Amino acid sequence: MIKLLSKFFIKDNENYTSPTVRRAYGTLCSIVGIFLNLLMFAGKYIAGTIAHSISITADAFNNLSDAGSSIITLLGFRLAGKKPDPDHPFGHGRVEYLSGLAVSLLILLMGFELMKSSVQKVFHPEPIEASLLAGGIMVAAILIKLYMAFYNKTVGRKIDSAAMGAVAADSLSDTISTVVALAAMILSKFTSFNIDAYAGIFVALLILKTGFESVRDTVAPLLGQAPDPEFVKQIEEIALEQEHILAIHDLIVHDYGPGRIFVSLHAEVPGDEDVYILHDEIDNAEVQLKTRLNCEAVIHMDPVAVNDEDVNKMKEAVIKAVKSVDPIITIHDFRMVPGETHTNLIFDAVVPANYKMSNEEVGKLLKAEVEEHCFKCFAVITVEQSYV
């Protein structure tokens, strides 16, 4: 249904990286979600009333909260699509993450409320009255929720939306909770055990688990999570397509929300090449990154010696010394400045963000190792962490 509706209501509906198309998909999926959740709330509330089931009635109100979640997601997409303004020059894309967080908090709230009601029914049980009408409503609700989980996950992956991922996870949780509520209603015909209350507790635990996982997934980009390795690989491949870009380093990806990605990096280029040619290639790389990855890119040009045999030999010796300390450490921006009494070896060393030693400790180890391997050399090392 979503695929069919997108053909009618979304122009250029397969251009998933377009902010306009992303916003249109978010709006469409949210409206459909609101309608289906309100429909299921009405059906489950009727079924719960008929069966006198706390788990079914609570599951109905869970759908009502889902309708509210869809409204929040809809508002999030609309606000995230606002153009940059003087107070928010990088746009409003992170509002989408905030809306996903709001959905996650609603999931948690509903889980706690359901847990409270179910525990109360453990001590104050009521008989369950199973019926074909209530059972049919629950089966229909399961099928609808499975469909909602499928389209939210599929569309969310295509447009890279954390908010829709949270809604998809919630839909799967709702499916399980509805199955448990249905099973409790059926089993109540064959046993006098208060299974409905315990089924409600189980459903509540599932909802709480989904809520905590959704909070984690939506908070991560707000805190500044590492970029997708595949995205980093694409950036490197596009930059290295230019003839004179030899390598890249100091790559930082700034995420201001889907469709608002800013990239900065350093590109090593031959130091003896025409600066105008090099500048033109840097510009071309920035344009290609924007065109193909829909990100704003700023590239700093680092000239390095590539045809100096002495520099190349010394660099190989330094790399060997660095790798002897730890193969995971890399270097860049290598410079050699000869003097009358010694030669300065200047370079940056990169370690992972969670490295076992501090930058100061790494610097001391590398300095000692390099100066031991390179006669009459003085190592000037800047140790920095990787942001990818």
Protein backbone atom coordinates (compact mmCIF):
# COMPACT_ATOMS: atom_id res chain seq x y z
CA MET A 1 0.00 0.00 0.00
CA ILE A 2 2.80 2.45 0.89
CA LYS A 3 4.58 1.72 -2.39
CA LEU A 4 1.37 2.34 -4.33
CA LEU A 5 0.54 5.54 -2.43
CA SER A 6 4.09 6.86 -2.88
CA LYS A 7 3.69 6.68 -6.66
CA PHE A 8 0.62 8.91 -6.45
CA PHE A 9 1.68 11.38 -3.74
CA ILE A 10 5.52 11.54 -3.83
CA LYS A 11 7.26 13.10 -6.80
CA ASP A 12 10.55 11.40 -7.73
CA ASN A 13 9.70 8.78 -5.10
CA GLU A 14 12.88 6.72 -5.58
CA ASN A 15 15.28 9.60 -4.85
CA TYR A 16 15.63 8.58 -1.20
CA THR A 17 18.50 10.96 -0.39
CA SER A 18 16.45 14.03 -1.31
CA PRO A 19 15.31 15.92 1.81
CA THR A 20 11.97 16.65 0.13
CA VAL A 21 11.38 12.98 -0.71
CA ARG A 22 12.44 11.89 2.80
CA ARG A 23 10.00 14.33 4.35
CA ALA A 24 7.22 13.14 2.02
CA TYR A 25 7.80 9.49 2.96
CA GLY A 26 7.83 10.38 6.65
CA THR A 27 4.57 12.24 6.27
CA LEU A 28 2.89 9.46 4.28
CA CYS A 29 3.97 6.67 6.64
CA SER A 30 2.94 8.68 9.69
CA ILE A 31 -0.55 9.40 8.34
CA VAL A 32 -1.07 5.73 7.44
CA GLY A 33 0.23 4.76 10.90
CA ILE A 34 -2.17 7.12 12.66
CA PHE A 35 -5.15 5.71 10.76
CA LEU A 36 -4.23 2.04 11.33
CA ASN A 37 -3.43 2.52 15.02
CA LEU A 38 -6.73 4.32 15.67
CA LEU A 39 -8.52 1.50 13.85
CA MET A 40 -6.78 -1.14 15.98
CA PHE A 41 -7.41 0.80 19.18
CA ALA A 42 -11.14 0.77 18.51
CA GLY A 43 -11.12 -2.93 17.59
CA LYS A 44 -9.01 -4.09 20.54
CA TYR A 45 -10.92 -1.95 23.00
CA ILE A 46 -14.12 -3.64 21.88
CA ALA A 47 -12.43 -7.06 22.08
CA GLY A 48 -11.02 -6.34 25.55
CA THR A 49 -14.40 -5.15 26.81
CA ILE A 50 -16.13 -8.24 25.45
CA ALA A 51 -13.53 -10.63 26.92
CA HIS A 52 -12.94 -8.69 30.17
CA SER A 53 -9.19 -9.01 29.42
CA ILE A 54 -6.66 -6.61 30.96
CA SER A 55 -3.95 -7.64 28.49
CA ILE A 56 -6.18 -6.96 25.46
CA THR A 57 -7.48 -3.65 26.83
CA ALA A 58 -3.97 -2.52 27.73
CA ASP A 59 -2.80 -3.57 24.27
CA ALA A 60 -5.57 -1.37 22.83
CA PHE A 61 -4.29 1.67 24.69
CA ASN A 62 -0.82 0.75 23.49
CA ASN A 63 -2.14 1.28 19.95
CA LEU A 64 -3.61 4.61 21.00
CA SER A 65 -0.16 5.68 22.21
CA ASP A 66 1.25 4.47 18.89
CA ALA A 67 -1.14 6.84 17.11
CA GLY A 68 0.28 9.60 19.27
CA SER A 69 3.79 8.41 18.39
CA SER A 70 2.96 8.65 14.70
CA ILE A 71 1.73 12.20 15.21
CA ILE A 72 5.03 13.05 16.92
CA THR A 73 6.98 11.40 14.08
CA LEU A 74 4.94 13.39 11.56
CA LEU A 75 5.67 16.66 13.36
CA GLY A 76 9.34 15.67 13.61
CA PHE A 77 9.63 15.18 9.85
CA ARG A 78 7.90 18.49 9.17
CA LEU A 79 10.12 20.42 11.60
CA ALA A 80 13.29 18.63 10.45
CA GLY A 81 12.55 19.77 6.90
CA LYS A 82 12.64 23.46 7.80
CA LYS A 83 15.28 25.43 5.96
CA PRO A 84 18.37 26.70 7.83
CA ASP A 85 17.94 30.09 9.49
CA PRO A 86 20.31 32.55 11.21
CA ASP A 87 19.85 30.79 14.57
CA HIS A 88 20.24 27.29 13.09
CA PRO A 89 22.64 27.58 10.12
CA PHE A 90 23.02 23.80 9.89
CA GLY A 91 19.28 23.21 9.58
CA HIS A 92 16.82 21.42 11.84
CA GLY A 93 17.55 17.80 10.89
CA ARG A 94 18.23 16.68 14.46
CA VAL A 95 14.58 17.33 15.30
CA GLU A 96 13.95 13.95 13.67
CA TYR A 97 16.20 12.29 16.25
CA LEU A 98 14.33 14.14 19.00
CA SER A 99 11.01 12.92 17.65
CA GLY A 100 12.36 9.36 17.63
CA LEU A 101 13.40 9.85 21.26
CA ALA A 102 9.90 11.10 22.13
CA VAL A 103 8.40 7.98 20.53
CA SER A 104 10.77 5.82 22.57
CA LEU A 105 9.79 7.55 25.80
CA LEU A 106 6.10 7.01 25.02
CA ILE A 107 6.85 3.31 24.53
CA LEU A 108 8.49 3.20 27.96
CA LEU A 109 5.57 5.04 29.57
CA MET A 110 3.07 2.60 28.10
CA GLY A 111 5.22 -0.33 29.25
CA PHE A 112 5.27 0.95 32.83
CA GLU A 113 1.49 1.56 32.81
CA LEU A 114 0.81 -1.90 31.43
CA MET A 115 3.08 -3.45 34.05
CA LYS A 116 1.22 -1.59 36.80
CA SER A 117 -2.21 -2.73 35.56
CA SER A 118 -1.08 -6.32 35.10
CA VAL A 119 0.44 -6.59 38.56
CA GLN A 120 -2.81 -5.24 40.05
CA LYS A 121 -4.76 -7.94 38.22
CA VAL A 122 -2.50 -10.63 39.70
CA PHE A 123 -3.98 -9.77 43.09
CA HIS A 124 -7.48 -8.95 41.81
CA PRO A 125 -8.22 -11.41 38.98
CA GLU A 126 -11.31 -11.30 36.78
CA PRO A 127 -12.69 -14.16 34.67
CA ILE A 128 -11.93 -14.03 30.92
CA GLU A 129 -14.74 -14.54 28.39
CA ALA A 130 -13.24 -15.67 25.08
CA SER A 131 -15.25 -15.12 21.90
CA LEU A 132 -14.81 -15.56 18.14
CA LEU A 133 -15.37 -11.84 17.57
CA ALA A 134 -12.62 -10.85 20.00
CA GLY A 135 -10.31 -13.50 18.56
CA GLY A 136 -10.94 -12.34 14.99
CA ILE A 137 -10.19 -8.74 15.93
CA MET A 138 -6.90 -9.77 17.53
CA VAL A 139 -5.82 -11.83 14.51
CA ALA A 140 -6.56 -8.89 12.21
CA ALA A 141 -4.57 -6.59 14.51
CA ILE A 142 -1.58 -8.95 14.37
CA LEU A 143 -1.57 -8.91 10.57
CA ILE A 144 -1.89 -5.11 10.46
CA LYS A 145 0.97 -4.64 12.92
CA LEU A 146 3.22 -6.99 10.96
CA TYR A 147 2.54 -4.94 7.85
CA MET A 148 3.29 -1.71 9.72
CA ALA A 149 6.59 -3.11 11.01
CA PHE A 150 7.51 -4.15 7.48
CA TYR A 151 6.80 -0.84 5.75
CA ASN A 152 8.31 1.29 8.51
CA LYS A 153 11.51 -0.77 8.54
CA THR A 154 11.74 -0.88 4.74
CA VAL A 155 11.11 2.82 4.20
CA GLY A 156 13.18 3.77 7.26
CA ARG A 157 16.18 1.90 5.84
CA LYS A 158 15.79 3.51 2.43
CA ILE A 159 15.61 7.07 3.76
CA ASP A 160 17.96 6.41 6.72
CA SER A 161 15.47 7.45 9.40
CA ALA A 162 16.09 6.64 13.08
CA ALA A 163 12.55 7.76 13.95
CA MET A 164 10.95 5.29 11.54
CA GLY A 165 13.27 2.57 12.81
CA ALA A 166 11.91 3.22 16.31
CA VAL A 167 8.33 2.96 15.02
CA ALA A 168 9.14 -0.32 13.23
CA ALA A 169 10.61 -1.78 16.42
CA ASP A 170 7.53 -0.69 18.34
CA SER A 171 5.28 -2.37 15.76
CA LEU A 172 7.12 -5.67 16.15
CA SER A 173 6.83 -5.42 19.92
CA ASP A 174 3.11 -4.74 19.56
CA THR A 175 2.74 -7.81 17.37
CA ILE A 176 4.28 -10.02 20.03
CA SER A 177 2.19 -8.46 22.77
CA THR A 178 -1.00 -8.98 20.77
CA VAL A 179 -0.09 -12.63 20.12
CA VAL A 180 0.48 -13.14 23.86
CA ALA A 181 -2.83 -11.44 24.72
CA LEU A 182 -4.66 -13.61 22.17
CA ALA A 183 -3.01 -16.77 23.50
CA ALA A 184 -3.94 -15.81 27.07
CA MET A 185 -7.58 -15.36 26.04
CA ILE A 186 -7.67 -18.76 24.31
CA LEU A 187 -5.89 -20.61 27.14
CA SER A 188 -8.24 -19.09 29.72
CA LYS A 189 -10.99 -21.39 28.37
CA PHE A 190 -8.96 -24.44 29.45
CA THR A 191 -7.57 -23.35 32.81
CA SER A 192 -8.63 -21.45 35.91
CA PHE A 193 -5.10 -20.07 36.36
CA ASN A 194 -4.91 -16.26 36.19
CA ILE A 195 -2.95 -16.36 32.92
CA ASP A 196 -4.22 -13.01 31.63
CA ALA A 197 -2.43 -11.01 34.34
CA TYR A 198 0.87 -12.81 33.81
CA ALA A 199 0.52 -12.43 30.05
CA GLY A 200 0.10 -8.70 30.66
CA ILE A 201 3.34 -8.65 32.68
CA PHE A 202 5.15 -10.46 29.87
CA VAL A 203 3.80 -8.01 27.31
CA ALA A 204 4.90 -5.11 29.49
CA LEU A 205 8.44 -6.47 29.69
CA LEU A 206 8.57 -6.77 25.89
CA ILE A 207 7.37 -3.18 25.50
CA LEU A 208 9.91 -1.90 28.03
CA LYS A 209 12.71 -3.76 26.25
CA THR A 210 11.72 -2.18 22.94
CA GLY A 211 11.52 1.23 24.56
CA PHE A 212 15.01 1.03 26.08
CA GLU A 213 16.50 -0.18 22.78
CA SER A 214 14.78 2.62 20.87
CA VAL A 215 16.07 5.22 23.35
CA ARG A 216 19.58 3.89 22.83
CA ASP A 217 19.29 4.03 19.02
CA THR A 218 17.89 7.57 18.94
CA VAL A 219 20.21 9.04 21.57
CA ALA A 220 23.36 7.72 19.86
CA PRO A 221 23.30 10.18 16.89
CA LEU A 222 22.47 13.06 19.23
CA LEU A 223 25.59 12.28 21.28
CA GLY A 224 27.75 12.04 18.16
CA GLN A 225 28.15 8.39 17.16
CA ALA A 226 30.84 7.17 14.76
CA PRO A 227 29.84 7.31 11.08
CA ASP A 228 28.86 4.21 9.13
CA PRO A 229 32.07 2.43 7.94
CA GLU A 230 30.52 2.02 4.48
CA PHE A 231 29.94 5.79 4.28
CA VAL A 232 33.57 6.41 5.28
CA LYS A 233 34.71 3.95 2.61
CA GLN A 234 32.65 5.76 -0.05
CA ILE A 235 34.16 9.11 0.94
CA GLU A 236 37.68 7.72 0.59
CA GLU A 237 36.94 6.07 -2.75
CA ILE A 238 35.45 9.25 -4.22
CA ALA A 239 38.36 11.41 -3.02
CA LEU A 240 40.98 9.00 -4.38
CA GLU A 241 39.36 9.07 -7.83
CA GLN A 242 41.21 12.37 -8.37
CA GLU A 243 44.57 11.80 -10.07
CA HIS A 244 46.77 13.68 -7.60
CA ILE A 245 45.04 12.87 -4.29
CA LEU A 246 47.34 10.24 -2.78
CA ALA A 247 45.63 9.58 0.55
CA ILE A 248 43.19 11.14 3.00
CA HIS A 249 43.26 11.54 6.77
CA ASP A 250 41.72 13.57 9.62
CA LEU A 251 38.27 12.66 8.31
CA ILE A 252 35.44 14.00 10.48
CA VAL A 253 31.75 13.48 9.75
CA HIS A 254 29.40 16.00 11.36
CA ASP A 255 25.82 14.71 11.53
CA TYR A 256 23.18 17.44 11.83
CA GLY A 257 20.35 15.08 10.92
CA PRO A 258 19.47 13.03 7.83
CA GLY A 259 20.25 15.01 4.71
CA ARG A 260 22.43 17.48 6.69
CA ILE A 261 25.85 15.78 6.74
CA PHE A 262 29.03 17.86 6.77
CA VAL A 263 32.41 16.27 6.03
CA SER A 264 35.90 17.65 6.58
CA LEU A 265 39.12 15.87 5.66
CA HIS A 266 42.77 16.38 4.70
CA ALA A 267 44.01 15.19 1.30
CA GLU A 268 47.69 14.48 0.64
CA VAL A 269 48.89 15.73 -2.75
CA PRO A 270 52.31 15.91 -4.44
CA GLY A 271 54.21 18.95 -3.16
CA ASP A 272 55.93 19.56 -6.51
CA GLU A 273 52.74 19.70 -8.63
CA ASP A 274 51.10 22.87 -9.98
CA VAL A 275 49.02 24.32 -7.13
CA TYR A 276 46.23 25.40 -9.50
CA ILE A 277 45.85 21.88 -10.84
CA LEU A 278 45.75 20.51 -7.29
CA HIS A 279 43.20 23.10 -6.18
CA ASP A 280 40.97 22.22 -9.12
CA GLU A 281 41.06 18.52 -8.18
CA ILE A 282 40.22 19.35 -4.56
CA ASP A 283 37.22 21.35 -5.79
CA ASN A 284 36.17 18.43 -8.02
CA ALA A 285 36.35 16.02 -5.08
CA GLU A 286 34.15 18.31 -2.97
CA VAL A 287 31.59 18.54 -5.76
CA GLN A 288 31.56 14.76 -6.25
CA LEU A 289 31.02 14.16 -2.53
CA LYS A 290 28.08 16.57 -2.52
CA THR A 291 26.55 15.15 -5.70
CA ARG A 292 26.92 11.45 -4.90
CA LEU A 293 26.66 11.35 -1.10
CA ASN A 294 24.50 14.44 -0.52
CA CYS A 295 26.96 15.92 1.98
CA GLU A 296 28.77 19.23 2.27
CA ALA A 297 32.53 18.66 2.10
CA VAL A 298 35.53 20.79 3.01
CA ILE A 299 38.94 19.40 2.01
CA HIS A 300 42.26 20.72 3.32
CA MET A 301 45.18 20.23 0.93
CA ASP A 302 48.36 18.71 2.44
CA PRO A 303 51.39 18.83 0.08
CA VAL A 304 53.87 16.00 0.68
CA ALA A 305 57.18 14.99 -0.89
CA VAL A 306 56.69 12.05 -3.24
CA ASN A 307 59.75 12.17 -5.50
CA ASP A 308 62.45 12.65 -2.84
CA GLU A 309 64.22 9.32 -2.39
CA ASP A 310 65.72 10.26 1.01
CA VAL A 311 62.33 11.29 2.38
CA ASN A 312 60.67 8.12 1.10
CA LYS A 313 63.34 5.89 2.68
CA MET A 314 63.10 7.72 5.99
CA LYS A 315 59.30 7.51 5.94
CA GLU A 316 59.48 3.73 5.41
CA ALA A 317 61.84 3.43 8.38
CA VAL A 318 59.51 5.52 10.56
CA ILE A 319 56.45 3.46 9.56
CA LYS A 320 58.34 0.28 10.46
CA ALA A 321 59.26 1.74 13.86
CA VAL A 322 55.67 2.84 14.52
CA LYS A 323 54.26 -0.56 13.55
CA SER A 324 56.68 -2.23 15.96
CA VAL A 325 54.91 -0.34 18.77
CA ASP A 326 51.42 -1.29 17.52
CA PRO A 327 50.30 -2.24 13.97
CA ILE A 328 47.00 -0.41 14.49
CA ILE A 329 48.72 3.00 14.66
CA THR A 330 48.96 4.92 11.37
CA ILE A 331 50.87 8.06 10.42
CA HIS A 332 50.36 10.94 8.02
CA ASP A 333 51.71 14.41 7.19
CA PHE A 334 55.28 13.13 7.25
CA ARG A 335 57.97 15.86 6.95
CA MET A 336 61.75 15.65 7.11
CA VAL A 337 63.72 18.79 7.98
CA PRO A 338 67.51 18.18 7.77
CA GLY A 339 69.90 20.20 9.97
CA GLU A 340 73.64 20.38 10.65
CA THR A 341 73.49 18.28 13.85
CA HIS A 342 70.25 16.31 13.44
CA THR A 343 67.18 15.82 11.28
CA ASN A 344 63.66 16.61 12.48
CA LEU A 345 61.07 13.98 11.60
CA ILE A 346 57.64 15.57 11.87
CA PHE A 347 54.44 13.56 11.55
CA ASP A 348 51.00 12.84 13.04
CA ALA A 349 50.14 9.45 14.54
CA VAL A 350 46.53 8.24 14.69
CA VAL A 351 45.13 5.86 17.34
CA PRO A 352 41.56 4.52 17.80
CA ALA A 353 39.18 6.45 20.08
CA ASN A 354 39.20 3.69 22.72
CA TYR A 355 42.95 3.07 22.65
CA LYS A 356 44.51 1.38 25.68
CA MET A 357 47.04 4.19 26.31
CA SER A 358 46.78 7.96 26.53
CA ASN A 359 48.03 10.14 23.68
CA GLU A 360 50.94 11.28 25.85
CA GLU A 361 52.01 7.68 26.55
CA VAL A 362 51.77 6.76 22.88
CA GLY A 363 53.79 9.83 21.90
CA LYS A 364 56.63 8.93 24.31
CA LEU A 365 56.78 5.32 23.08
CA LEU A 366 56.78 6.32 19.41
CA LYS A 367 59.40 9.01 19.96
CA ALA A 368 61.75 6.56 21.69
CA GLU A 369 61.24 3.88 19.04
CA VAL A 370 61.69 6.23 16.06
CA GLU A 371 64.79 7.93 17.45
CA GLU A 372 66.30 4.50 18.19
CA HIS A 373 65.81 3.33 14.60
CA CYS A 374 66.72 6.61 12.86
CA PHE A 375 70.29 7.85 13.49
CA LYS A 376 70.69 11.51 14.53
CA CYS A 377 66.96 12.13 14.22
CA PHE A 378 64.62 14.04 16.48
CA ALA A 379 60.96 12.96 16.32
CA VAL A 380 58.26 15.63 16.56
CA ILE A 381 55.02 13.68 16.89
CA THR A 382 51.41 14.78 17.28
CA VAL A 383 49.20 11.92 18.49
CA GLU A 384 45.51 12.21 17.68
CA GLN A 385 42.48 9.94 17.84
CA SER A 386 40.47 8.73 14.89
CA TYR A 387 36.89 10.04 14.52
CA VAL A 388 35.79 7.27 12.14
